[in-house]
Amino acid sequence: MGRNLHARIEAVVPILDRALKEKCWEILSLSLKDQRQAWDMDAMGNYLQRKSNEVGIHHVFMSLAKQRKNSRGSFRRKAA
């Protein structure tokens, strides 16, 4: 898979809101723990995919979203 290293744009902004900052750290921490798609290179330069029985990050985020939705009640959009 090719990587877009020449024509991409990255932006960095400060996150001042404490709740939003905690949410970002939660997402980053969970993402860094996810090892299901991790590969290791051996001494000969060959790549081996790690074996993992962990639940994937997508499933974790979906579970968290459902818990938050249930704790707030049903979500309804306001009429425009």
Protein backbone atom coordinates (compact mmCIF):
# COMPACT_ATOMS: atom_id res chain seq x y z
CA MET A 1 0.00 0.00 0.00
CA GLY A 2 1.40 3.36 -0.99
CA ARG A 3 1.55 6.27 1.44
CA ASN A 4 0.70 9.85 0.58
CA LEU A 5 3.81 11.55 1.95
CA HIS A 6 4.15 14.34 -0.62
CA ALA A 7 0.69 15.84 -1.19
CA ARG A 8 -0.91 15.74 2.23
CA ILE A 9 -1.87 18.48 4.63
CA GLU A 10 -1.64 18.23 8.39
CA ALA A 11 -2.91 20.77 10.87
CA VAL A 12 -2.08 21.16 14.54
CA VAL A 13 -4.25 23.19 16.88
CA PRO A 14 -4.31 23.51 20.65
CA ILE A 15 -7.14 21.78 22.47
CA LEU A 16 -8.10 24.05 25.33
CA ASP A 17 -11.38 22.50 26.51
CA ARG A 18 -10.57 20.00 29.27
CA ALA A 19 -13.38 17.55 28.41
CA LEU A 20 -12.40 17.55 24.74
CA LYS A 21 -8.73 17.08 25.65
CA GLU A 22 -9.63 14.05 27.81
CA LYS A 23 -11.71 12.62 24.97
CA CYS A 24 -8.75 13.00 22.56
CA TRP A 25 -6.40 11.27 25.03
CA GLU A 26 -8.93 8.44 25.42
CA ILE A 27 -9.10 7.94 21.65
CA LEU A 28 -5.32 8.10 21.28
CA SER A 29 -4.72 5.68 24.16
CA LEU A 30 -7.21 3.14 22.82
CA SER A 31 -5.77 3.46 19.31
CA LEU A 32 -2.20 2.86 20.50
CA LYS A 33 -3.28 -0.25 22.45
CA ASP A 34 -4.88 -1.86 19.39
CA GLN A 35 -2.42 -4.53 18.20
CA ARG A 36 -4.70 -6.54 15.90
CA GLN A 37 -3.17 -5.15 12.71
CA ALA A 38 0.40 -4.90 14.04
CA TRP A 39 3.38 -6.40 12.24
CA ASP A 40 6.91 -7.09 13.48
CA MET A 41 10.08 -7.29 11.42
CA ASP A 42 12.44 -10.15 12.25
CA ALA A 43 16.25 -10.11 12.02
CA MET A 44 16.12 -11.19 8.35
CA GLY A 45 13.84 -8.31 7.36
CA ASN A 46 10.72 -10.44 7.06
CA TYR A 47 7.44 -9.17 8.44
CA LEU A 48 5.25 -11.33 10.65
CA GLN A 49 1.75 -10.35 11.67
CA ARG A 50 1.17 -10.44 15.41
CA LYS A 51 -1.37 -12.91 16.74
CA SER A 52 -4.06 -11.34 18.88
CA ASN A 53 -7.37 -12.36 20.40
CA GLU A 54 -8.11 -8.78 21.42
CA VAL A 55 -11.32 -7.02 20.53
CA GLY A 56 -10.63 -4.50 17.77
CA ILE A 57 -10.63 -0.75 18.23
CA HIS A 58 -13.74 -0.34 16.06
CA HIS A 59 -15.71 -2.63 18.36
CA VAL A 60 -14.42 -0.74 21.43
CA PHE A 61 -15.48 2.63 19.98
CA MET A 62 -18.91 1.28 19.02
CA SER A 63 -19.43 -0.08 22.55
CA LEU A 64 -18.40 3.24 24.10
CA ALA A 65 -20.75 5.15 21.79
CA LYS A 66 -23.65 2.86 22.72
CA GLN A 67 -22.91 3.25 26.43
CA ARG A 68 -22.82 7.04 26.11
CA LYS A 69 -26.03 7.07 24.10
CA ASN A 70 -27.80 4.89 26.66
CA SER A 71 -26.58 7.03 29.55
CA ARG A 72 -27.97 10.20 27.89
CA GLY A 73 -31.23 8.74 26.68
CA SER A 74 -32.37 8.71 23.10
CA PHE A 75 -30.79 11.17 20.70
CA ARG A 76 -33.10 13.36 18.65
CA ARG A 77 -32.15 16.08 16.22
CA LYS A 78 -33.66 19.49 16.74
CA ALA A 79 -35.90 20.68 13.98
CA ALA A 80 -34.29 23.34 11.79
